[in-house]
């Protein structure tokens, strides 16, 4: 977890508040999602549920896509597809997912992300496609 953090991005969803992860921007302009595993997050086999690992990777990927499009306005994106490769179980401590844009244009972006534990052990990776959408308006 050597990438230096630049800033945290304020929570925009009830899911983020419910699950308790943090989203931010690293010094290199990429997004990250970090999470502190607690006993309540552990399933019957002693690890964090794979779906939650997917949430962390999807969030880091989406944040990376949004930052790539515009660091100031952070335009919204939706996940078009996300493929996850599980490498090792997330069991305890702090984990962090980081994304990197690998291609795309103004509307579609390709992002690869990885989830590591606090010792730098790779836990999972993902490849995703994200599409820019209009910002939701009040009403």
N, C-alpha and C. Protein backbone atom coordinates (compact mmCIF):
# COMPACT_ATOMS: atom_id res chain seq x y z
N UNK A 1 0.83 -1.18 0.00
CA UNK A 1 0.00 0.00 0.00
C UNK A 1 0.87 1.24 0.00
N UNK A 2 1.67 1.37 -1.03
CA UNK A 2 2.64 2.45 -1.07
C UNK A 2 2.16 3.70 -1.80
N UNK A 3 1.08 3.61 -2.56
CA UNK A 3 0.60 4.79 -3.28
C UNK A 3 0.16 5.86 -2.28
N UNK A 4 0.72 7.05 -2.42
CA UNK A 4 0.38 8.12 -1.49
C UNK A 4 -0.99 8.69 -1.80
N UNK A 5 -1.72 8.97 -0.72
CA UNK A 5 -3.07 9.50 -0.86
C UNK A 5 -3.04 11.02 -0.96
N UNK A 6 -3.87 11.55 -1.85
CA UNK A 6 -4.00 12.98 -2.02
C UNK A 6 -5.20 13.51 -1.24
N UNK A 7 -6.35 12.82 -1.39
CA UNK A 7 -7.56 13.29 -0.71
C UNK A 7 -8.59 12.17 -0.63
N UNK A 8 -9.49 12.30 0.35
CA UNK A 8 -10.65 11.44 0.42
C UNK A 8 -11.79 12.13 -0.32
N UNK A 9 -12.64 11.35 -0.93
CA UNK A 9 -13.78 11.88 -1.66
C UNK A 9 -15.01 11.66 -0.79
N UNK A 10 -15.80 12.71 -0.54
CA UNK A 10 -16.98 12.57 0.34
C UNK A 10 -17.93 11.47 -0.14
N UNK A 11 -18.54 10.79 0.81
CA UNK A 11 -19.48 9.71 0.50
C UNK A 11 -20.64 10.25 -0.33
N UNK A 12 -20.98 9.53 -1.38
CA UNK A 12 -22.08 9.93 -2.26
C UNK A 12 -23.23 8.93 -2.24
N UNK A 13 -23.05 7.82 -1.53
CA UNK A 13 -24.09 6.80 -1.55
C UNK A 13 -24.35 6.25 -0.16
N UNK A 14 -25.58 5.79 0.02
CA UNK A 14 -25.94 5.16 1.28
C UNK A 14 -25.16 3.85 1.46
N UNK A 15 -24.83 3.19 0.35
CA UNK A 15 -24.07 1.94 0.42
C UNK A 15 -22.71 2.18 1.06
N UNK A 16 -22.05 3.26 0.66
CA UNK A 16 -20.73 3.56 1.23
C UNK A 16 -20.84 3.81 2.73
N UNK A 17 -21.84 4.54 3.14
CA UNK A 17 -22.03 4.81 4.56
C UNK A 17 -22.39 3.53 5.31
N UNK A 18 -23.24 2.68 4.74
CA UNK A 18 -23.64 1.43 5.37
C UNK A 18 -22.47 0.47 5.54
N UNK A 19 -21.68 0.32 4.48
CA UNK A 19 -20.59 -0.66 4.50
C UNK A 19 -19.32 -0.13 5.15
N UNK A 20 -19.13 1.19 5.15
CA UNK A 20 -18.03 1.78 5.89
C UNK A 20 -16.70 1.86 5.17
N UNK A 21 -16.67 1.80 3.86
CA UNK A 21 -15.41 1.95 3.15
C UNK A 21 -15.17 3.41 2.82
N UNK A 22 -13.91 3.75 2.52
CA UNK A 22 -13.54 5.11 2.14
C UNK A 22 -13.06 5.11 0.70
N UNK A 23 -13.36 6.19 0.00
CA UNK A 23 -12.95 6.35 -1.40
C UNK A 23 -12.08 7.58 -1.49
N UNK A 24 -11.02 7.50 -2.30
CA UNK A 24 -10.15 8.66 -2.41
C UNK A 24 -9.37 8.69 -3.70
N UNK A 25 -8.56 9.74 -3.79
CA UNK A 25 -7.67 9.94 -4.93
C UNK A 25 -6.24 9.83 -4.46
N UNK A 26 -5.44 9.06 -5.19
CA UNK A 26 -4.02 8.92 -4.89
C UNK A 26 -3.25 10.03 -5.59
N UNK A 27 -2.01 10.24 -5.17
CA UNK A 27 -1.17 11.29 -5.75
C UNK A 27 -0.99 11.13 -7.26
N UNK A 28 -1.07 9.89 -7.75
CA UNK A 28 -0.89 9.67 -9.19
C UNK A 28 -2.18 9.87 -9.99
N UNK A 29 -3.25 10.35 -9.32
CA UNK A 29 -4.50 10.64 -10.00
C UNK A 29 -5.45 9.46 -10.13
N UNK A 30 -5.07 8.32 -9.60
CA UNK A 30 -5.95 7.15 -9.65
C UNK A 30 -6.83 7.10 -8.41
N UNK A 31 -7.88 6.30 -8.49
CA UNK A 31 -8.78 6.15 -7.36
C UNK A 31 -8.42 4.96 -6.49
N UNK A 32 -8.88 5.02 -5.25
CA UNK A 32 -8.70 3.88 -4.35
C UNK A 32 -9.93 3.74 -3.48
N UNK A 33 -10.09 2.55 -2.92
CA UNK A 33 -11.15 2.25 -1.98
C UNK A 33 -10.50 1.45 -0.86
N UNK A 34 -10.59 1.95 0.36
CA UNK A 34 -9.95 1.22 1.47
C UNK A 34 -11.01 0.84 2.49
N UNK A 35 -10.69 -0.24 3.21
CA UNK A 35 -11.67 -0.81 4.12
C UNK A 35 -10.96 -1.53 5.25
N UNK A 36 -11.47 -1.36 6.44
CA UNK A 36 -10.95 -2.05 7.63
C UNK A 36 -11.86 -3.23 7.92
N UNK A 37 -11.33 -4.44 7.78
CA UNK A 37 -12.12 -5.65 8.03
C UNK A 37 -12.31 -5.82 9.53
N UNK A 38 -13.55 -6.06 9.92
CA UNK A 38 -13.90 -6.31 11.31
C UNK A 38 -14.52 -7.69 11.42
N UNK A 39 -14.59 -8.26 12.63
CA UNK A 39 -15.18 -9.60 12.77
C UNK A 39 -16.58 -9.73 12.16
N UNK A 40 -17.37 -8.67 12.17
CA UNK A 40 -18.73 -8.74 11.62
C UNK A 40 -18.74 -8.91 10.09
N UNK A 41 -17.62 -8.72 9.43
CA UNK A 41 -17.54 -8.85 7.98
C UNK A 41 -17.11 -10.25 7.53
N UNK A 42 -16.75 -11.10 8.49
CA UNK A 42 -16.21 -12.42 8.18
C UNK A 42 -17.35 -13.44 8.02
N UNK A 43 -17.26 -14.26 6.98
CA UNK A 43 -18.28 -15.29 6.75
C UNK A 43 -17.92 -16.60 7.44
N UNK A 44 -18.68 -17.66 7.15
CA UNK A 44 -18.51 -18.94 7.85
C UNK A 44 -17.20 -19.66 7.51
N UNK A 45 -16.50 -19.25 6.46
CA UNK A 45 -15.21 -19.87 6.14
C UNK A 45 -14.04 -19.00 6.58
N UNK A 46 -14.32 -17.94 7.33
CA UNK A 46 -13.26 -17.12 7.90
C UNK A 46 -12.70 -16.03 7.00
N UNK A 47 -13.47 -15.63 6.01
CA UNK A 47 -13.00 -14.59 5.08
C UNK A 47 -14.15 -13.65 4.73
N UNK A 48 -13.79 -12.51 4.15
CA UNK A 48 -14.80 -11.57 3.67
C UNK A 48 -15.50 -12.19 2.45
N UNK A 49 -16.82 -12.05 2.38
CA UNK A 49 -17.61 -12.57 1.27
C UNK A 49 -17.09 -12.02 -0.06
N UNK A 50 -17.04 -12.86 -1.08
CA UNK A 50 -16.55 -12.46 -2.39
C UNK A 50 -17.32 -11.32 -3.01
N UNK A 51 -18.60 -11.22 -2.72
CA UNK A 51 -19.40 -10.11 -3.23
C UNK A 51 -18.94 -8.78 -2.68
N UNK A 52 -18.51 -8.78 -1.43
CA UNK A 52 -18.02 -7.54 -0.84
C UNK A 52 -16.67 -7.17 -1.45
N UNK A 53 -15.84 -8.16 -1.73
CA UNK A 53 -14.58 -7.90 -2.45
C UNK A 53 -14.91 -7.23 -3.79
N UNK A 54 -15.96 -7.71 -4.45
CA UNK A 54 -16.40 -7.10 -5.70
C UNK A 54 -16.82 -5.65 -5.54
N UNK A 55 -17.50 -5.34 -4.43
CA UNK A 55 -17.89 -3.95 -4.16
C UNK A 55 -16.66 -3.06 -4.08
N UNK A 56 -15.63 -3.52 -3.37
CA UNK A 56 -14.41 -2.71 -3.21
C UNK A 56 -13.71 -2.49 -4.55
N UNK A 57 -13.60 -3.54 -5.35
CA UNK A 57 -12.95 -3.41 -6.66
C UNK A 57 -13.78 -2.53 -7.60
N UNK A 58 -15.09 -2.71 -7.61
CA UNK A 58 -15.96 -1.90 -8.44
C UNK A 58 -15.89 -0.43 -8.05
N UNK A 59 -15.85 -0.17 -6.75
CA UNK A 59 -15.79 1.21 -6.27
C UNK A 59 -14.47 1.87 -6.65
N UNK A 60 -13.36 1.16 -6.46
CA UNK A 60 -12.05 1.72 -6.83
C UNK A 60 -11.97 1.95 -8.34
N UNK A 61 -12.52 1.03 -9.11
CA UNK A 61 -12.52 1.17 -10.57
C UNK A 61 -13.36 2.36 -11.00
N UNK A 62 -14.55 2.47 -10.44
CA UNK A 62 -15.42 3.59 -10.78
C UNK A 62 -14.82 4.93 -10.40
N UNK A 63 -14.21 5.00 -9.22
CA UNK A 63 -13.56 6.24 -8.79
C UNK A 63 -12.42 6.60 -9.73
N UNK A 64 -11.66 5.61 -10.15
CA UNK A 64 -10.55 5.85 -11.08
C UNK A 64 -11.08 6.37 -12.41
N UNK A 65 -12.15 5.78 -12.92
CA UNK A 65 -12.74 6.25 -14.17
C UNK A 65 -13.22 7.69 -14.04
N UNK A 66 -13.88 7.99 -12.94
CA UNK A 66 -14.41 9.34 -12.72
C UNK A 66 -13.28 10.37 -12.62
N UNK A 67 -12.23 10.03 -11.91
CA UNK A 67 -11.09 10.94 -11.78
C UNK A 67 -10.40 11.14 -13.13
N UNK A 68 -10.33 10.09 -13.92
CA UNK A 68 -9.71 10.18 -15.24
C UNK A 68 -10.50 11.14 -16.15
N UNK A 69 -11.82 11.09 -16.04
CA UNK A 69 -12.67 11.96 -16.86
C UNK A 69 -12.55 13.42 -16.44
N UNK A 70 -12.57 13.68 -15.14
CA UNK A 70 -12.45 15.06 -14.64
C UNK A 70 -12.22 15.03 -13.13
N UNK A 71 -11.02 15.41 -12.71
CA UNK A 71 -10.66 15.36 -11.29
C UNK A 71 -11.47 16.34 -10.45
N UNK A 72 -11.95 17.41 -11.05
CA UNK A 72 -12.67 18.43 -10.27
C UNK A 72 -14.16 18.13 -10.14
N UNK A 73 -14.81 17.77 -11.26
CA UNK A 73 -16.26 17.56 -11.21
C UNK A 73 -16.64 16.11 -10.91
N UNK A 74 -15.69 15.18 -11.04
CA UNK A 74 -15.91 13.78 -10.68
C UNK A 74 -17.22 13.26 -11.29
N UNK A 75 -17.34 13.28 -12.65
CA UNK A 75 -18.61 12.92 -13.29
C UNK A 75 -19.00 11.47 -13.02
N UNK A 76 -20.29 11.20 -12.92
CA UNK A 76 -20.74 9.84 -12.60
C UNK A 76 -20.51 8.86 -13.75
N UNK A 77 -20.29 7.61 -13.38
CA UNK A 77 -20.16 6.51 -14.33
C UNK A 77 -21.00 5.34 -13.82
N UNK A 78 -21.33 4.44 -14.73
CA UNK A 78 -21.96 3.18 -14.35
C UNK A 78 -21.06 2.04 -14.81
N UNK A 79 -21.18 0.93 -14.13
CA UNK A 79 -20.42 -0.26 -14.49
C UNK A 79 -21.15 -0.99 -15.62
N UNK A 80 -20.46 -1.17 -16.74
CA UNK A 80 -21.01 -1.91 -17.87
C UNK A 80 -20.70 -3.40 -17.68
N UNK A 81 -19.47 -3.69 -17.28
CA UNK A 81 -19.08 -5.08 -16.99
C UNK A 81 -17.93 -5.07 -16.00
N UNK A 82 -17.84 -6.14 -15.21
CA UNK A 82 -16.76 -6.27 -14.24
C UNK A 82 -16.45 -7.75 -14.08
N UNK A 83 -15.20 -8.12 -14.37
CA UNK A 83 -14.73 -9.49 -14.20
C UNK A 83 -13.76 -9.51 -13.03
N UNK A 84 -13.98 -10.42 -12.08
CA UNK A 84 -13.16 -10.48 -10.87
C UNK A 84 -12.41 -11.79 -10.82
N UNK A 85 -11.13 -11.71 -10.46
CA UNK A 85 -10.30 -12.88 -10.23
C UNK A 85 -9.92 -12.91 -8.75
N UNK A 86 -10.37 -13.95 -8.05
CA UNK A 86 -10.08 -14.09 -6.62
C UNK A 86 -8.78 -14.87 -6.47
N UNK A 87 -7.83 -14.30 -5.74
CA UNK A 87 -6.51 -14.90 -5.61
C UNK A 87 -6.29 -15.48 -4.22
N UNK A 88 -6.63 -14.72 -3.19
CA UNK A 88 -6.46 -15.16 -1.80
C UNK A 88 -7.58 -14.54 -0.96
N UNK A 89 -7.96 -15.18 0.14
CA UNK A 89 -9.04 -14.63 0.96
C UNK A 89 -8.61 -13.39 1.75
N UNK A 90 -9.54 -12.45 1.86
CA UNK A 90 -9.34 -11.28 2.72
C UNK A 90 -9.87 -11.66 4.10
N UNK A 91 -8.99 -11.68 5.11
CA UNK A 91 -9.38 -12.21 6.41
C UNK A 91 -9.41 -11.19 7.54
N UNK A 92 -8.47 -10.25 7.54
CA UNK A 92 -8.42 -9.29 8.64
C UNK A 92 -7.58 -8.08 8.24
N UNK A 93 -7.67 -7.03 9.06
CA UNK A 93 -6.86 -5.84 8.83
C UNK A 93 -7.43 -4.93 7.77
N UNK A 94 -6.58 -4.07 7.27
CA UNK A 94 -6.97 -3.09 6.26
C UNK A 94 -6.66 -3.63 4.88
N UNK A 95 -7.60 -3.42 3.97
CA UNK A 95 -7.39 -3.77 2.56
C UNK A 95 -7.60 -2.51 1.74
N UNK A 96 -6.96 -2.47 0.58
CA UNK A 96 -7.12 -1.32 -0.30
C UNK A 96 -7.18 -1.79 -1.75
N UNK A 97 -8.16 -1.27 -2.46
CA UNK A 97 -8.30 -1.53 -3.89
C UNK A 97 -7.87 -0.28 -4.64
N UNK A 98 -7.11 -0.49 -5.71
CA UNK A 98 -6.63 0.63 -6.53
C UNK A 98 -6.92 0.34 -8.00
N UNK A 99 -7.30 1.38 -8.72
CA UNK A 99 -7.61 1.22 -10.13
C UNK A 99 -6.62 1.92 -11.04
N UNK A 100 -6.66 1.52 -12.31
CA UNK A 100 -5.83 2.15 -13.34
C UNK A 100 -6.59 2.08 -14.66
N UNK A 101 -6.74 3.23 -15.31
CA UNK A 101 -7.39 3.26 -16.63
C UNK A 101 -6.41 2.67 -17.64
N UNK A 102 -6.90 1.70 -18.42
CA UNK A 102 -6.05 1.06 -19.42
C UNK A 102 -6.44 1.40 -20.85
N UNK A 103 -7.57 2.09 -21.03
CA UNK A 103 -7.99 2.47 -22.37
C UNK A 103 -9.37 3.09 -22.36
N UNK A 104 -9.84 3.41 -23.55
CA UNK A 104 -11.17 3.99 -23.68
C UNK A 104 -11.13 5.38 -24.27
N UNK A 105 -12.27 6.06 -24.16
CA UNK A 105 -12.41 7.39 -24.73
C UNK A 105 -13.14 8.32 -23.80
N UNK A 106 -14.05 9.14 -24.38
CA UNK A 106 -14.77 10.13 -23.57
C UNK A 106 -15.95 9.53 -22.81
N UNK A 107 -16.52 8.44 -23.33
CA UNK A 107 -17.71 7.86 -22.69
C UNK A 107 -17.45 6.50 -22.06
N UNK A 108 -16.67 5.65 -22.71
CA UNK A 108 -16.36 4.32 -22.18
C UNK A 108 -14.91 4.27 -21.74
N UNK A 109 -14.68 3.73 -20.55
CA UNK A 109 -13.31 3.58 -20.04
C UNK A 109 -13.09 2.14 -19.60
N UNK A 110 -11.87 1.65 -19.83
CA UNK A 110 -11.47 0.32 -19.40
C UNK A 110 -10.55 0.49 -18.20
N UNK A 111 -10.89 -0.20 -17.11
CA UNK A 111 -10.15 -0.03 -15.86
C UNK A 111 -9.77 -1.39 -15.30
N UNK A 112 -8.53 -1.53 -14.88
CA UNK A 112 -8.09 -2.71 -14.16
C UNK A 112 -7.82 -2.29 -12.72
N UNK A 113 -8.18 -3.15 -11.78
CA UNK A 113 -7.98 -2.83 -10.36
C UNK A 113 -7.43 -4.04 -9.63
N UNK A 114 -6.84 -3.77 -8.48
CA UNK A 114 -6.33 -4.84 -7.63
C UNK A 114 -6.69 -4.54 -6.18
N UNK A 115 -6.87 -5.60 -5.41
CA UNK A 115 -7.13 -5.50 -3.97
C UNK A 115 -5.98 -6.16 -3.25
N UNK A 116 -5.36 -5.41 -2.33
CA UNK A 116 -4.23 -5.93 -1.55
C UNK A 116 -4.50 -5.76 -0.07
N UNK A 117 -3.86 -6.62 0.73
CA UNK A 117 -3.95 -6.43 2.18
C UNK A 117 -2.85 -5.46 2.62
N UNK A 118 -2.79 -5.20 3.91
CA UNK A 118 -1.84 -4.20 4.42
C UNK A 118 -0.38 -4.63 4.29
N UNK A 119 -0.14 -5.91 3.99
CA UNK A 119 1.22 -6.40 3.77
C UNK A 119 1.59 -6.44 2.29
N UNK A 120 0.68 -5.98 1.44
CA UNK A 120 0.95 -5.97 0.01
C UNK A 120 0.60 -7.27 -0.70
N UNK A 121 -0.04 -8.22 0.01
CA UNK A 121 -0.43 -9.47 -0.64
C UNK A 121 -1.64 -9.22 -1.55
N UNK A 122 -1.53 -9.66 -2.79
CA UNK A 122 -2.62 -9.53 -3.74
C UNK A 122 -3.75 -10.47 -3.35
N UNK A 123 -4.96 -9.93 -3.23
CA UNK A 123 -6.13 -10.72 -2.85
C UNK A 123 -7.06 -10.96 -4.03
N UNK A 124 -7.19 -9.98 -4.90
CA UNK A 124 -8.08 -10.11 -6.06
C UNK A 124 -7.73 -9.04 -7.09
N UNK A 125 -8.14 -9.29 -8.32
CA UNK A 125 -7.98 -8.31 -9.40
C UNK A 125 -9.30 -8.22 -10.16
N UNK A 126 -9.45 -7.15 -10.91
CA UNK A 126 -10.65 -7.02 -11.74
C UNK A 126 -10.33 -6.26 -13.02
N UNK A 127 -11.16 -6.50 -14.02
CA UNK A 127 -11.15 -5.75 -15.27
C UNK A 127 -12.57 -5.30 -15.52
N UNK A 128 -12.74 -4.01 -15.76
CA UNK A 128 -14.08 -3.48 -15.93
C UNK A 128 -14.20 -2.48 -17.05
N UNK A 129 -15.44 -2.29 -17.48
CA UNK A 129 -15.79 -1.27 -18.46
C UNK A 129 -16.79 -0.34 -17.78
N UNK A 130 -16.53 0.96 -17.88
CA UNK A 130 -17.35 1.97 -17.20
C UNK A 130 -17.80 3.00 -18.21
N UNK A 131 -19.07 3.41 -18.10
CA UNK A 131 -19.65 4.38 -19.03
C UNK A 131 -20.05 5.64 -18.30
N UNK A 132 -19.66 6.76 -18.87
CA UNK A 132 -20.05 8.06 -18.32
C UNK A 132 -21.55 8.26 -18.51
N UNK A 133 -22.22 8.79 -17.49
CA UNK A 133 -23.65 9.08 -17.56
C UNK A 133 -23.90 10.50 -17.06
N UNK A 134 -25.09 11.01 -17.34
CA UNK A 134 -25.46 12.34 -16.88
C UNK A 134 -25.63 12.34 -15.37
N UNK A 135 -25.27 13.42 -14.75
CA UNK A 135 -25.43 13.56 -13.31
C UNK A 135 -26.92 13.65 -12.98
N UNK A 136 -27.33 12.94 -11.94
CA UNK A 136 -28.72 12.98 -11.48
C UNK A 136 -29.05 14.38 -10.99
N UNK A 137 -30.21 14.88 -11.41
CA UNK A 137 -30.63 16.21 -10.98
C UNK A 137 -31.71 16.08 -9.91
N UNK A 138 -31.82 17.10 -9.08
CA UNK A 138 -32.85 17.13 -8.04
C UNK A 138 -34.21 17.20 -8.71
N UNK A 139 -35.20 16.54 -8.09
CA UNK A 139 -36.53 16.68 -8.65
C UNK A 139 -37.40 15.59 -8.41
